[in-house]
Amino acid sequence: MKKPPQLVIEPRFRITYGRQFAFGPGKATLMEHIEKTGSIAEAAKAMNMSYMRAWKLVKNLNSDRDAPLVETARGGRQRGGAKLTKTGGLVLQLYREIENQSMTATLSAQQTLAHLLQS
């Protein structure tokens, strides 16, 4: 007997601030990988993304801001690296909190939708 498909609901928020700053699920995931690996190149690899694309996203995260979100160190013999700044960590944490709170707030509607689709 075939198992019924599972309903998956994933909130996807896009935060914009003026014309320069945009933050959404892709940048959040990139920041999580940077935090985990300490490397933009490794984060890009984990996401099947080109290094150039990841670097452009990091540059965008840091542009026109008093407090950058990702701190980078040049490569070479000492091997560079990247890490989230305190502000970057807070932005990521709050973004994930928004997602989690939205899931809690919509739980009743999610359950109703799952019931309707399973009928």
N, C-alpha and C. Protein backbone atom coordinates (compact mmCIF):
# COMPACT_ATOMS: atom_id res chain seq x y z
N MET A 1 0.84 -1.18 0.00
CA MET A 1 0.00 0.00 0.00
C MET A 1 0.88 1.25 0.00
N LYS A 2 0.54 2.19 -0.86
CA LYS A 2 1.31 3.40 -1.00
C LYS A 2 1.10 4.34 0.18
N LYS A 3 2.20 4.89 0.68
CA LYS A 3 2.14 5.85 1.77
C LYS A 3 1.70 7.20 1.20
N PRO A 4 0.73 7.88 1.85
CA PRO A 4 0.28 9.17 1.32
C PRO A 4 1.40 10.21 1.40
N PRO A 5 1.41 11.13 0.45
CA PRO A 5 2.45 12.16 0.48
C PRO A 5 2.33 13.01 1.74
N GLN A 6 3.45 13.52 2.20
CA GLN A 6 3.46 14.33 3.40
C GLN A 6 3.37 15.81 3.01
N LEU A 7 2.54 16.54 3.73
CA LEU A 7 2.39 17.97 3.49
C LEU A 7 3.59 18.70 4.11
N VAL A 8 4.23 19.53 3.34
CA VAL A 8 5.35 20.33 3.83
C VAL A 8 5.05 21.80 3.55
N ILE A 9 5.07 22.58 4.60
CA ILE A 9 4.87 24.02 4.47
C ILE A 9 6.12 24.71 4.98
N GLU A 10 6.71 25.53 4.13
CA GLU A 10 7.92 26.25 4.50
C GLU A 10 7.69 27.74 4.27
N PRO A 11 7.73 28.52 5.34
CA PRO A 11 7.59 29.96 5.13
C PRO A 11 8.84 30.51 4.45
N ARG A 12 8.65 31.42 3.53
CA ARG A 12 9.79 32.01 2.81
C ARG A 12 9.59 33.53 2.83
N PHE A 13 10.32 34.16 3.68
CA PHE A 13 10.20 35.61 3.82
C PHE A 13 11.33 36.30 3.07
N ARG A 14 11.02 37.44 2.52
CA ARG A 14 12.03 38.28 1.87
C ARG A 14 11.94 39.63 2.55
N ILE A 15 13.03 40.04 3.14
CA ILE A 15 13.09 41.30 3.87
C ILE A 15 13.86 42.30 3.01
N THR A 16 13.27 43.45 2.79
CA THR A 16 13.97 44.50 2.06
C THR A 16 14.05 45.73 2.95
N TYR A 17 15.14 46.43 2.79
CA TYR A 17 15.36 47.66 3.51
C TYR A 17 15.92 48.65 2.51
N GLY A 18 15.07 49.53 2.05
CA GLY A 18 15.48 50.45 1.01
C GLY A 18 15.70 49.70 -0.30
N ARG A 19 16.56 50.26 -1.13
CA ARG A 19 16.81 49.63 -2.43
C ARG A 19 18.04 48.74 -2.40
N GLN A 20 18.87 48.88 -1.39
CA GLN A 20 20.15 48.18 -1.39
C GLN A 20 20.13 46.84 -0.67
N PHE A 21 19.36 46.73 0.41
CA PHE A 21 19.45 45.53 1.24
C PHE A 21 18.24 44.63 1.04
N ALA A 22 18.51 43.38 0.72
CA ALA A 22 17.47 42.37 0.62
C ALA A 22 18.00 41.11 1.29
N PHE A 23 17.13 40.46 2.04
CA PHE A 23 17.54 39.27 2.78
C PHE A 23 16.41 38.26 2.69
N GLY A 24 16.77 37.03 2.37
CA GLY A 24 15.76 35.98 2.25
C GLY A 24 16.36 34.63 2.54
N PRO A 25 15.66 33.57 2.16
CA PRO A 25 16.09 32.21 2.51
C PRO A 25 17.44 31.82 1.94
N GLY A 26 17.78 32.28 0.75
CA GLY A 26 19.07 31.92 0.15
C GLY A 26 20.24 32.51 0.91
N LYS A 27 20.15 33.79 1.24
CA LYS A 27 21.23 34.44 1.99
C LYS A 27 21.30 33.89 3.41
N ALA A 28 20.16 33.57 3.99
CA ALA A 28 20.15 32.99 5.33
C ALA A 28 20.88 31.64 5.32
N THR A 29 20.58 30.83 4.34
CA THR A 29 21.24 29.52 4.24
C THR A 29 22.73 29.68 3.98
N LEU A 30 23.11 30.62 3.12
CA LEU A 30 24.52 30.88 2.86
C LEU A 30 25.22 31.29 4.16
N MET A 31 24.60 32.16 4.92
CA MET A 31 25.20 32.60 6.19
C MET A 31 25.35 31.44 7.17
N GLU A 32 24.38 30.54 7.20
CA GLU A 32 24.49 29.36 8.07
C GLU A 32 25.68 28.50 7.66
N HIS A 33 25.87 28.33 6.36
CA HIS A 33 27.00 27.53 5.89
C HIS A 33 28.33 28.23 6.16
N ILE A 34 28.37 29.53 6.03
CA ILE A 34 29.59 30.28 6.36
C ILE A 34 29.90 30.11 7.84
N GLU A 35 28.89 30.21 8.66
CA GLU A 35 29.08 30.05 10.10
C GLU A 35 29.60 28.65 10.43
N LYS A 36 29.08 27.66 9.73
CA LYS A 36 29.45 26.27 9.97
C LYS A 36 30.85 25.94 9.45
N THR A 37 31.18 26.45 8.26
CA THR A 37 32.44 26.07 7.62
C THR A 37 33.57 27.07 7.80
N GLY A 38 33.24 28.32 8.08
CA GLY A 38 34.26 29.35 8.18
C GLY A 38 34.83 29.75 6.83
N SER A 39 34.09 29.45 5.76
CA SER A 39 34.62 29.68 4.41
C SER A 39 33.49 29.98 3.43
N ILE A 40 33.68 31.02 2.63
CA ILE A 40 32.70 31.33 1.58
C ILE A 40 32.74 30.24 0.51
N ALA A 41 33.95 29.78 0.17
CA ALA A 41 34.08 28.74 -0.86
C ALA A 41 33.40 27.45 -0.42
N GLU A 42 33.60 27.04 0.82
CA GLU A 42 32.97 25.82 1.33
C GLU A 42 31.46 25.98 1.44
N ALA A 43 31.02 27.16 1.84
CA ALA A 43 29.58 27.43 1.92
C ALA A 43 28.96 27.34 0.54
N ALA A 44 29.63 27.91 -0.46
CA ALA A 44 29.13 27.85 -1.83
C ALA A 44 29.05 26.41 -2.32
N LYS A 45 30.10 25.65 -2.03
CA LYS A 45 30.14 24.25 -2.45
C LYS A 45 28.97 23.47 -1.81
N ALA A 46 28.72 23.71 -0.55
CA ALA A 46 27.63 23.01 0.16
C ALA A 46 26.26 23.33 -0.45
N MET A 47 26.17 24.49 -1.09
CA MET A 47 24.89 24.90 -1.68
C MET A 47 24.86 24.69 -3.20
N ASN A 48 25.89 24.04 -3.75
CA ASN A 48 25.99 23.87 -5.21
C ASN A 48 25.90 25.22 -5.92
N MET A 49 26.63 26.18 -5.40
CA MET A 49 26.62 27.53 -5.92
C MET A 49 28.05 27.89 -6.32
N SER A 50 28.20 28.71 -7.31
CA SER A 50 29.55 29.14 -7.68
C SER A 50 30.12 30.04 -6.59
N TYR A 51 31.43 30.00 -6.47
CA TYR A 51 32.09 30.86 -5.50
C TYR A 51 31.80 32.32 -5.82
N MET A 52 31.82 32.68 -7.10
CA MET A 52 31.57 34.06 -7.51
C MET A 52 30.18 34.52 -7.07
N ARG A 53 29.18 33.66 -7.23
CA ARG A 53 27.81 34.00 -6.81
C ARG A 53 27.76 34.19 -5.30
N ALA A 54 28.38 33.29 -4.55
CA ALA A 54 28.39 33.40 -3.08
C ALA A 54 29.10 34.68 -2.66
N TRP A 55 30.22 34.99 -3.29
CA TRP A 55 30.97 36.19 -2.95
C TRP A 55 30.13 37.44 -3.21
N LYS A 56 29.38 37.46 -4.33
CA LYS A 56 28.52 38.60 -4.64
C LYS A 56 27.41 38.75 -3.60
N LEU A 57 26.86 37.64 -3.14
CA LEU A 57 25.83 37.70 -2.10
C LEU A 57 26.40 38.25 -0.79
N VAL A 58 27.60 37.81 -0.43
CA VAL A 58 28.25 38.32 0.78
C VAL A 58 28.53 39.81 0.63
N LYS A 59 29.02 40.20 -0.53
CA LYS A 59 29.30 41.61 -0.79
C LYS A 59 28.02 42.43 -0.64
N ASN A 60 26.91 41.90 -1.14
CA ASN A 60 25.63 42.57 -1.01
C ASN A 60 25.19 42.66 0.45
N LEU A 61 25.42 41.59 1.22
CA LEU A 61 25.07 41.60 2.63
C LEU A 61 25.82 42.69 3.40
N ASN A 62 27.01 43.00 2.95
CA ASN A 62 27.86 43.96 3.65
C ASN A 62 27.81 45.37 3.07
N SER A 63 27.22 45.55 1.90
CA SER A 63 27.27 46.84 1.23
C SER A 63 26.38 47.88 1.91
N ASP A 64 26.87 49.09 1.87
CA ASP A 64 26.12 50.24 2.39
C ASP A 64 25.60 50.04 3.81
N ARG A 65 26.42 49.42 4.63
CA ARG A 65 26.01 49.16 6.02
C ARG A 65 27.11 49.63 6.95
N ASP A 66 26.70 50.17 8.08
CA ASP A 66 27.68 50.55 9.10
C ASP A 66 28.26 49.31 9.75
N ALA A 67 27.44 48.28 9.89
CA ALA A 67 27.87 47.04 10.53
C ALA A 67 27.73 45.89 9.54
N PRO A 68 28.84 45.39 8.98
CA PRO A 68 28.75 44.27 8.03
C PRO A 68 28.20 43.02 8.71
N LEU A 69 27.65 42.11 7.92
CA LEU A 69 27.08 40.88 8.46
C LEU A 69 28.06 39.72 8.39
N VAL A 70 29.01 39.79 7.45
CA VAL A 70 30.00 38.73 7.29
C VAL A 70 31.38 39.38 7.28
N GLU A 71 32.27 38.85 8.10
CA GLU A 71 33.65 39.33 8.14
C GLU A 71 34.51 38.36 7.34
N THR A 72 35.33 38.91 6.47
CA THR A 72 36.18 38.06 5.63
C THR A 72 37.65 38.38 5.86
N ALA A 73 38.47 37.37 5.65
CA ALA A 73 39.93 37.53 5.70
C ALA A 73 40.48 36.98 4.40
N ARG A 74 41.45 37.67 3.85
CA ARG A 74 42.03 37.24 2.58
C ARG A 74 42.70 35.88 2.70
N GLY A 75 42.74 35.18 1.59
CA GLY A 75 43.36 33.86 1.53
C GLY A 75 44.87 33.93 1.45
N GLY A 76 45.43 33.03 0.69
CA GLY A 76 46.88 32.99 0.55
C GLY A 76 47.49 31.97 1.48
N ARG A 77 48.74 32.20 1.86
CA ARG A 77 49.44 31.23 2.70
C ARG A 77 48.79 31.02 4.07
N GLN A 78 48.26 32.09 4.63
CA GLN A 78 47.63 31.97 5.95
C GLN A 78 46.18 31.46 5.84
N ARG A 79 45.74 31.18 4.68
CA ARG A 79 44.37 30.73 4.42
C ARG A 79 43.38 31.70 5.03
N GLY A 80 42.60 32.27 4.20
CA GLY A 80 41.60 33.24 4.64
C GLY A 80 40.44 32.54 5.32
N GLY A 81 39.39 33.23 5.43
CA GLY A 81 38.21 32.65 6.04
C GLY A 81 37.10 33.68 6.10
N ALA A 82 36.00 33.26 6.64
CA ALA A 82 34.85 34.13 6.79
C ALA A 82 34.08 33.70 8.03
N LYS A 83 33.46 34.67 8.66
CA LYS A 83 32.61 34.37 9.81
C LYS A 83 31.55 35.45 9.92
N LEU A 84 30.48 35.12 10.60
CA LEU A 84 29.43 36.09 10.81
C LEU A 84 29.87 37.07 11.90
N THR A 85 29.53 38.31 11.69
CA THR A 85 29.77 39.29 12.73
C THR A 85 28.66 39.13 13.78
N LYS A 86 28.79 39.84 14.87
CA LYS A 86 27.74 39.78 15.90
C LYS A 86 26.40 40.21 15.31
N THR A 87 26.43 41.27 14.51
CA THR A 87 25.20 41.74 13.86
C THR A 87 24.68 40.70 12.88
N GLY A 88 25.57 40.09 12.12
CA GLY A 88 25.16 39.05 11.18
C GLY A 88 24.50 37.88 11.88
N GLY A 89 25.07 37.46 13.00
CA GLY A 89 24.49 36.37 13.77
C GLY A 89 23.10 36.72 14.27
N LEU A 90 22.92 37.97 14.71
CA LEU A 90 21.61 38.40 15.20
C LEU A 90 20.59 38.49 14.07
N VAL A 91 21.01 38.99 12.90
CA VAL A 91 20.10 39.07 11.75
C VAL A 91 19.64 37.67 11.37
N LEU A 92 20.57 36.73 11.30
CA LEU A 92 20.22 35.35 10.96
C LEU A 92 19.29 34.74 12.01
N GLN A 93 19.61 34.94 13.27
CA GLN A 93 18.78 34.41 14.36
C GLN A 93 17.35 34.97 14.30
N LEU A 94 17.24 36.27 14.09
CA LEU A 94 15.91 36.89 14.04
C LEU A 94 15.13 36.45 12.80
N TYR A 95 15.81 36.27 11.69
CA TYR A 95 15.15 35.79 10.48
C TYR A 95 14.56 34.39 10.72
N ARG A 96 15.34 33.51 11.32
CA ARG A 96 14.84 32.16 11.62
C ARG A 96 13.72 32.20 12.65
N GLU A 97 13.79 33.16 13.57
CA GLU A 97 12.73 33.32 14.56
C GLU A 97 11.42 33.73 13.89
N ILE A 98 11.51 34.61 12.91
CA ILE A 98 10.32 35.02 12.15
C ILE A 98 9.69 33.80 11.47
N GLU A 99 10.53 32.97 10.87
CA GLU A 99 10.02 31.75 10.23
C GLU A 99 9.33 30.85 11.25
N ASN A 100 9.98 30.61 12.38
CA ASN A 100 9.42 29.72 13.40
C ASN A 100 8.12 30.26 13.97
N GLN A 101 8.08 31.55 14.25
CA GLN A 101 6.86 32.13 14.80
C GLN A 101 5.72 32.07 13.80
N SER A 102 6.02 32.22 12.52
CA SER A 102 4.96 32.15 11.50
C SER A 102 4.39 30.74 11.42
N MET A 103 5.26 29.73 11.60
CA MET A 103 4.77 28.34 11.59
C MET A 103 3.84 28.10 12.78
N THR A 104 4.20 28.61 13.93
CA THR A 104 3.35 28.45 15.12
C THR A 104 2.03 29.18 14.92
N ALA A 105 2.08 30.39 14.39
CA ALA A 105 0.88 31.20 14.21
C ALA A 105 -0.10 30.60 13.21
N THR A 106 0.42 29.81 12.27
CA THR A 106 -0.45 29.25 11.22
C THR A 106 -0.71 27.76 11.40
N LEU A 107 -0.40 27.21 12.55
CA LEU A 107 -0.54 25.77 12.77
C LEU A 107 -1.96 25.26 12.50
N SER A 108 -2.97 25.97 12.96
CA SER A 108 -4.34 25.54 12.76
C SER A 108 -4.68 25.46 11.27
N ALA A 109 -4.30 26.48 10.52
CA ALA A 109 -4.56 26.49 9.07
C ALA A 109 -3.78 25.38 8.37
N GLN A 110 -2.56 25.11 8.83
CA GLN A 110 -1.76 24.04 8.24
C GLN A 110 -2.45 22.68 8.45
N GLN A 111 -2.96 22.46 9.65
CA GLN A 111 -3.63 21.19 9.97
C GLN A 111 -4.89 21.04 9.13
N THR A 112 -5.65 22.12 8.97
CA THR A 112 -6.86 22.07 8.15
C THR A 112 -6.52 21.77 6.71
N LEU A 113 -5.48 22.42 6.20
CA LEU A 113 -5.04 22.18 4.82
C LEU A 113 -4.59 20.73 4.63
N ALA A 114 -3.86 20.20 5.57
CA ALA A 114 -3.41 18.81 5.48
C ALA A 114 -4.62 17.88 5.46
N HIS A 115 -5.61 18.14 6.28
CA HIS A 115 -6.80 17.30 6.33
C HIS A 115 -7.55 17.36 5.00
N LEU A 116 -7.70 18.56 4.44
CA LEU A 116 -8.39 18.70 3.16
C LEU A 116 -7.68 17.97 2.03
N LEU A 117 -6.36 18.05 2.02
CA LEU A 117 -5.60 17.41 0.95
C LEU A 117 -5.58 15.89 1.07
N GLN A 118 -5.74 15.38 2.27
CA GLN A 118 -5.71 13.95 2.49
C GLN A 118 -7.07 13.31 2.23
N SER A 119 -8.10 14.14 2.10
CA SER A 119 -9.46 13.60 1.87
C SER A 119 -9.64 13.15 0.45
